[in-house]
Amino acid sequence: MALPKSKYAKARRGKRRSHIKLALPTLDICPQCHNPKLAHHVCPTCGSYSDMQVIEIKKPKATG
């Protein structure tokens, strides 16, 4: 099996790996409630998708 003749420096390794990173998901604004949501997904706040009410969101129970 082939092995490198010498050790790679940490800076060189870091430069090579500079493009290997996690990307944040792109968020859109919901046209109904104006909260951020994932693109092409149902809004978790109001339950709408493409100007239609798709799912019913349960309201938290009032405690007190």
PDB file of N, CA and C in Angstrom:
ATOM      1  N   MET A   1       0.839  -1.179   0.000  1.00  0.00           N
ATOM      2  CA  MET A   1       0.000   0.000   0.000  1.00  0.00           C
ATOM      3  C   MET A   1       0.886   1.245   0.000  1.00  0.00           C
ATOM      4  N   ALA A   2       0.528   2.244  -0.756  1.00  0.00           N
ATOM      5  CA  ALA A   2       1.330   3.463  -0.862  1.00  0.00           C
ATOM      6  C   ALA A   2       1.187   4.309   0.396  1.00  0.00           C
ATOM      7  N   LEU A   3       2.320   4.835   0.845  1.00  0.00           N
ATOM      8  CA  LEU A   3       2.347   5.702   2.023  1.00  0.00           C
ATOM      9  C   LEU A   3       3.083   6.989   1.673  1.00  0.00           C
ATOM     10  N   PRO A   4       2.711   8.112   2.299  1.00  0.00           N
ATOM     11  CA  PRO A   4       3.434   9.347   2.034  1.00  0.00           C
ATOM     12  C   PRO A   4       4.853   9.277   2.610  1.00  0.00           C
ATOM     13  N   LYS A   5       5.798   9.925   1.924  1.00  0.00           N
ATOM     14  CA  LYS A   5       7.187   9.882   2.378  1.00  0.00           C
ATOM     15  C   LYS A   5       7.417  10.732   3.615  1.00  0.00           C
ATOM     16  N   SER A   6       6.616  11.787   3.771  1.00  0.00           N
ATOM     17  CA  SER A   6       6.786  12.641   4.944  1.00  0.00           C
ATOM     18  C   SER A   6       5.418  13.079   5.460  1.00  0.00           C
ATOM     19  N   LYS A   7       5.401  13.628   6.669  1.00  0.00           N
ATOM     20  CA  LYS A   7       4.159  14.045   7.313  1.00  0.00           C
ATOM     21  C   LYS A   7       3.630  15.322   6.663  1.00  0.00           C
ATOM     22  N   TYR A   8       2.339  15.375   6.448  1.00  0.00           N
ATOM     23  CA  TYR A   8       1.714  16.589   5.946  1.00  0.00           C
ATOM     24  C   TYR A   8       1.603  17.592   7.078  1.00  0.00           C
ATOM     25  N   ALA A   9       1.882  18.845   6.808  1.00  0.00           N
ATOM     26  CA  ALA A   9       1.757  19.890   7.820  1.00  0.00           C
ATOM     27  C   ALA A   9       0.278  20.157   8.111  1.00  0.00           C
ATOM     28  N   LYS A  10       0.000  20.636   9.312  1.00  0.00           N
ATOM     29  CA  LYS A  10      -1.379  20.914   9.701  1.00  0.00           C
ATOM     30  C   LYS A  10      -1.971  22.024   8.844  1.00  0.00           C
ATOM     31  N   ALA A  11      -1.159  22.988   8.454  1.00  0.00           N
ATOM     32  CA  ALA A  11      -1.662  24.077   7.614  1.00  0.00           C
ATOM     33  C   ALA A  11      -2.044  23.557   6.233  1.00  0.00           C
ATOM     34  N   ARG A  12      -1.222  22.691   5.682  1.00  0.00           N
ATOM     35  CA  ARG A  12      -1.534  22.135   4.354  1.00  0.00           C
ATOM     36  C   ARG A  12      -2.785  21.278   4.422  1.00  0.00           C
ATOM     37  N   ARG A  13      -2.915  20.509   5.492  1.00  0.00           N
ATOM     38  CA  ARG A  13      -4.102  19.679   5.663  1.00  0.00           C
ATOM     39  C   ARG A  13      -5.347  20.554   5.805  1.00  0.00           C
ATOM     40  N   GLY A  14      -5.206  21.636   6.558  1.00  0.00           N
ATOM     41  CA  GLY A  14      -6.333  22.550   6.741  1.00  0.00           C
ATOM     42  C   GLY A  14      -6.749  23.229   5.455  1.00  0.00           C
ATOM     43  N   LYS A  15      -5.776  23.588   4.618  1.00  0.00           N
ATOM     44  CA  LYS A  15      -6.104  24.206   3.334  1.00  0.00           C
ATOM     45  C   LYS A  15      -6.855  23.234   2.433  1.00  0.00           C
ATOM     46  N   ARG A  16      -6.470  21.974   2.472  1.00  0.00           N
ATOM     47  CA  ARG A  16      -7.145  20.974   1.663  1.00  0.00           C
ATOM     48  C   ARG A  16      -8.569  20.744   2.151  1.00  0.00           C
ATOM     49  N   ARG A  17      -8.759  20.795   3.458  1.00  0.00           N
ATOM     50  CA  ARG A  17     -10.075  20.522   4.034  1.00  0.00           C
ATOM     51  C   ARG A  17     -10.934  21.780   4.198  1.00  0.00           C
ATOM     52  N   SER A  18     -10.508  22.899   3.690  1.00  0.00           N
ATOM     53  CA  SER A  18     -11.235  24.150   3.926  1.00  0.00           C
ATOM     54  C   SER A  18     -12.627  24.141   3.309  1.00  0.00           C
ATOM     55  N   HIS A  19     -12.846  23.331   2.276  1.00  0.00           N
ATOM     56  CA  HIS A  19     -14.149  23.293   1.626  1.00  0.00           C
ATOM     57  C   HIS A  19     -15.043  22.195   2.179  1.00  0.00           C
ATOM     58  N   ILE A  20     -14.532  21.380   3.090  1.00  0.00           N
ATOM     59  CA  ILE A  20     -15.318  20.310   3.690  1.00  0.00           C
ATOM     60  C   ILE A  20     -15.955  20.875   4.952  1.00  0.00           C
ATOM     61  N   LYS A  21     -17.195  21.293   4.838  1.00  0.00           N
ATOM     62  CA  LYS A  21     -17.864  21.893   5.982  1.00  0.00           C
ATOM     63  C   LYS A  21     -19.363  21.694   5.846  1.00  0.00           C
ATOM     64  N   LEU A  22     -20.072  21.866   6.936  1.00  0.00           N
ATOM     65  CA  LEU A  22     -21.520  21.773   6.932  1.00  0.00           C
ATOM     66  C   LEU A  22     -22.104  23.107   6.497  1.00  0.00           C
ATOM     67  N   ALA A  23     -23.172  23.050   5.751  1.00  0.00           N
ATOM     68  CA  ALA A  23     -23.853  24.264   5.313  1.00  0.00           C
ATOM     69  C   ALA A  23     -25.152  24.416   6.093  1.00  0.00           C
ATOM     70  N   LEU A  24     -25.492  25.640   6.432  1.00  0.00           N
ATOM     71  CA  LEU A  24     -26.748  25.896   7.110  1.00  0.00           C
ATOM     72  C   LEU A  24     -27.904  25.708   6.132  1.00  0.00           C
ATOM     73  N   PRO A  25     -29.028  25.184   6.593  1.00  0.00           N
ATOM     74  CA  PRO A  25     -30.158  25.026   5.678  1.00  0.00           C
ATOM     75  C   PRO A  25     -30.709  26.389   5.292  1.00  0.00           C
ATOM     76  N   THR A  26     -31.126  26.509   4.029  1.00  0.00           N
ATOM     77  CA  THR A  26     -31.680  27.775   3.571  1.00  0.00           C
ATOM     78  C   THR A  26     -33.122  27.884   4.047  1.00  0.00           C
ATOM     79  N   LEU A  27     -33.449  29.023   4.598  1.00  0.00           N
ATOM     80  CA  LEU A  27     -34.773  29.249   5.153  1.00  0.00           C
ATOM     81  C   LEU A  27     -35.538  30.233   4.288  1.00  0.00           C
ATOM     82  N   ASP A  28     -36.840  30.009   4.165  1.00  0.00           N
ATOM     83  CA  ASP A  28     -37.750  30.921   3.496  1.00  0.00           C
ATOM     84  C   ASP A  28     -38.680  31.513   4.536  1.00  0.00           C
ATOM     85  N   ILE A  29     -39.392  32.544   4.143  1.00  0.00           N
ATOM     86  CA  ILE A  29     -40.380  33.160   5.014  1.00  0.00           C
ATOM     87  C   ILE A  29     -41.754  32.631   4.615  1.00  0.00           C
ATOM     88  N   CYS A  30     -42.520  32.172   5.594  1.00  0.00           N
ATOM     89  CA  CYS A  30     -43.865  31.666   5.340  1.00  0.00           C
ATOM     90  C   CYS A  30     -44.762  32.837   4.939  1.00  0.00           C
ATOM     91  N   PRO A  31     -45.508  32.726   3.826  1.00  0.00           N
ATOM     92  CA  PRO A  31     -46.372  33.837   3.422  1.00  0.00           C
ATOM     93  C   PRO A  31     -47.576  34.030   4.338  1.00  0.00           C
ATOM     94  N   GLN A  32     -47.943  33.007   5.107  1.00  0.00           N
ATOM     95  CA  GLN A  32     -49.105  33.114   5.994  1.00  0.00           C
ATOM     96  C   GLN A  32     -48.743  33.773   7.324  1.00  0.00           C
ATOM     97  N   CYS A  33     -47.740  33.210   8.020  1.00  0.00           N
ATOM     98  CA  CYS A  33     -47.427  33.673   9.377  1.00  0.00           C
ATOM     99  C   CYS A  33     -46.113  34.445   9.456  1.00  0.00           C
ATOM    100  N   HIS A  34     -45.366  34.509   8.366  1.00  0.00           N
ATOM    101  CA  HIS A  34     -44.109  35.262   8.268  1.00  0.00           C
ATOM    102  C   HIS A  34     -43.033  34.766   9.222  1.00  0.00           C
ATOM    103  N   ASN A  35     -43.062  33.474   9.536  1.00  0.00           N
ATOM    104  CA  ASN A  35     -42.010  32.850  10.332  1.00  0.00           C
ATOM    105  C   ASN A  35     -41.081  32.085   9.399  1.00  0.00           C
ATOM    106  N   PRO A  36     -39.816  31.886   9.787  1.00  0.00           N
ATOM    107  CA  PRO A  36     -38.903  31.125   8.917  1.00  0.00           C
ATOM    108  C   PRO A  36     -39.289  29.654   8.851  1.00  0.00           C
ATOM    109  N   LYS A  37     -39.143  29.071   7.653  1.00  0.00           N
ATOM    110  CA  LYS A  37     -39.436  27.657   7.444  1.00  0.00           C
ATOM    111  C   LYS A  37     -38.488  27.131   6.390  1.00  0.00           C
ATOM    112  N   LEU A  38     -38.324  25.798   6.334  1.00  0.00           N
ATOM    113  CA  LEU A  38     -37.512  25.184   5.304  1.00  0.00           C
ATOM    114  C   LEU A  38     -38.217  25.280   3.957  1.00  0.00           C
ATOM    115  N   ALA A  39     -37.453  25.452   2.901  1.00  0.00           N
ATOM    116  CA  ALA A  39     -38.025  25.549   1.569  1.00  0.00           C
ATOM    117  C   ALA A  39     -38.660  24.215   1.178  1.00  0.00           C
ATOM    118  N   HIS A  40     -39.797  24.258   0.526  1.00  0.00           N
ATOM    119  CA  HIS A  40     -40.536  23.092   0.047  1.00  0.00           C
ATOM    120  C   HIS A  40     -40.967  22.183   1.191  1.00  0.00           C
ATOM    121  N   HIS A  41     -41.250  22.749   2.353  1.00  0.00           N
ATOM    122  CA  HIS A  41     -41.742  21.994   3.505  1.00  0.00           C
ATOM    123  C   HIS A  41     -42.964  22.716   4.070  1.00  0.00           C
ATOM    124  N   VAL A  42     -43.761  21.983   4.820  1.00  0.00           N
ATOM    125  CA  VAL A  42     -44.906  22.578   5.504  1.00  0.00           C
ATOM    126  C   VAL A  42     -44.383  23.451   6.635  1.00  0.00           C
ATOM    127  N   CYS A  43     -45.008  24.596   6.826  1.00  0.00           N
ATOM    128  CA  CYS A  43     -44.596  25.508   7.890  1.00  0.00           C
ATOM    129  C   CYS A  43     -44.902  24.866   9.238  1.00  0.00           C
ATOM    130  N   PRO A  44     -43.910  24.751  10.135  1.00  0.00           N
ATOM    131  CA  PRO A  44     -44.171  24.119  11.433  1.00  0.00           C
ATOM    132  C   PRO A  44     -44.981  25.003  12.373  1.00  0.00           C
ATOM    133  N   THR A  45     -45.095  26.297  12.083  1.00  0.00           N
ATOM    134  CA  THR A  45     -45.818  27.207  12.966  1.00  0.00           C
ATOM    135  C   THR A  45     -47.308  27.235  12.667  1.00  0.00           C
ATOM    136  N   CYS A  46     -47.659  27.379  11.375  1.00  0.00           N
ATOM    137  CA  CYS A  46     -49.079  27.507  11.029  1.00  0.00           C
ATOM    138  C   CYS A  46     -49.623  26.303  10.272  1.00  0.00           C
ATOM    139  N   GLY A  47     -48.771  25.435   9.727  1.00  0.00           N
ATOM    140  CA  GLY A  47     -49.226  24.226   9.046  1.00  0.00           C
ATOM    141  C   GLY A  47     -49.669  24.446   7.620  1.00  0.00           C
ATOM    142  N   SER A  48     -49.246  25.531   6.980  1.00  0.00           N
ATOM    143  CA  SER A  48     -49.668  25.797   5.610  1.00  0.00           C
ATOM    144  C   SER A  48     -48.547  25.458   4.637  1.00  0.00           C
ATOM    145  N   TYR A  49     -48.961  25.138   3.400  1.00  0.00           N
ATOM    146  CA  TYR A  49     -48.016  24.871   2.318  1.00  0.00           C
ATOM    147  C   TYR A  49     -48.658  25.348   1.031  1.00  0.00           C
ATOM    148  N   SER A  50     -47.986  26.208   0.305  1.00  0.00           N
ATOM    149  CA  SER A  50     -48.462  26.734  -0.974  1.00  0.00           C
ATOM    150  C   SER A  50     -49.840  27.367  -0.812  1.00  0.00           C
ATOM    151  N   ASP A  51     -49.976  28.224   0.191  1.00  0.00           N
ATOM    152  CA  ASP A  51     -51.205  28.985   0.477  1.00  0.00           C
ATOM    153  C   ASP A  51     -52.408  28.103   0.783  1.00  0.00           C
ATOM    154  N   MET A  52     -52.175  26.878   1.250  1.00  0.00           N
ATOM    155  CA  MET A  52     -53.263  25.991   1.670  1.00  0.00           C
ATOM    156  C   MET A  52     -52.960  25.480   3.079  1.00  0.00           C
ATOM    157  N   GLN A  53     -54.004  25.316   3.872  1.00  0.00           N
ATOM    158  CA  GLN A  53     -53.873  24.735   5.210  1.00  0.00           C
ATOM    159  C   GLN A  53     -53.776  23.226   5.043  1.00  0.00           C
ATOM    160  N   VAL A  54     -52.600  22.656   5.318  1.00  0.00           N
ATOM    161  CA  VAL A  54     -52.358  21.242   5.057  1.00  0.00           C
ATOM    162  C   VAL A  54     -52.524  20.414   6.319  1.00  0.00           C
ATOM    163  N   ILE A  55     -51.930  20.854   7.409  1.00  0.00           N
ATOM    164  CA  ILE A  55     -52.030  20.108   8.667  1.00  0.00           C
ATOM    165  C   ILE A  55     -52.534  21.052   9.757  1.00  0.00           C
ATOM    166  N   GLU A  56     -53.143  20.461  10.757  1.00  0.00           N
ATOM    167  CA  GLU A  56     -53.631  21.249  11.884  1.00  0.00           C
ATOM    168  C   GLU A  56     -52.563  21.228  12.975  1.00  0.00           C
ATOM    169  N   ILE A  57     -52.152  22.397  13.407  1.00  0.00           N
ATOM    170  CA  ILE A  57     -51.134  22.522  14.447  1.00  0.00           C
ATOM    171  C   ILE A  57     -51.850  22.570  15.803  1.00  0.00           C
ATOM    172  N   LYS A  58     -51.434  21.720  16.707  1.00  0.00           N
ATOM    173  CA  LYS A  58     -52.018  21.702  18.035  1.00  0.00           C
ATOM    174  C   LYS A  58     -51.496  22.876  18.839  1.00  0.00           C
ATOM    175  N   LYS A  59     -52.390  23.570  19.500  1.00  0.00           N
ATOM    176  CA  LYS A  59     -52.024  24.692  20.351  1.00  0.00           C
ATOM    177  C   LYS A  59     -51.607  24.160  21.721  1.00  0.00           C
ATOM    178  N   PRO A  60     -50.599  24.755  22.352  1.00  0.00           N
ATOM    179  CA  PRO A  60     -50.222  24.291  23.693  1.00  0.00           C
ATOM    180  C   PRO A  60     -51.339  24.602  24.691  1.00  0.00           C
ATOM    181  N   LYS A  61     -51.518  23.671  25.640  1.00  0.00           N
ATOM    182  CA  LYS A  61     -52.560  23.854  26.643  1.00  0.00           C
ATOM    183  C   LYS A  61     -52.176  24.988  27.585  1.00  0.00           C
ATOM    184  N   ALA A  62     -53.173  25.738  27.993  1.00  0.00           N
ATOM    185  CA  ALA A  62     -52.943  26.844  28.918  1.00  0.00           C
ATOM    186  C   ALA A  62     -52.766  26.253  30.331  1.00  0.00           C
ATOM    187  N   THR A  63     -51.641  26.559  30.944  1.00  0.00           N
ATOM    188  CA  THR A  63     -51.357  26.081  32.293  1.00  0.00           C
ATOM    189  C   THR A  63     -51.558  27.217  33.270  1.00  0.00           C
ATOM    190  N   GLY A  64     -52.130  26.904  34.386  1.00  0.00           N
ATOM    191  CA  GLY A  64     -52.273  27.968  35.354  1.00  0.00           C
ATOM    192  C   GLY A  64     -53.399  27.827  36.261  1.00  0.00           C
TER     193      GLY A  64
END
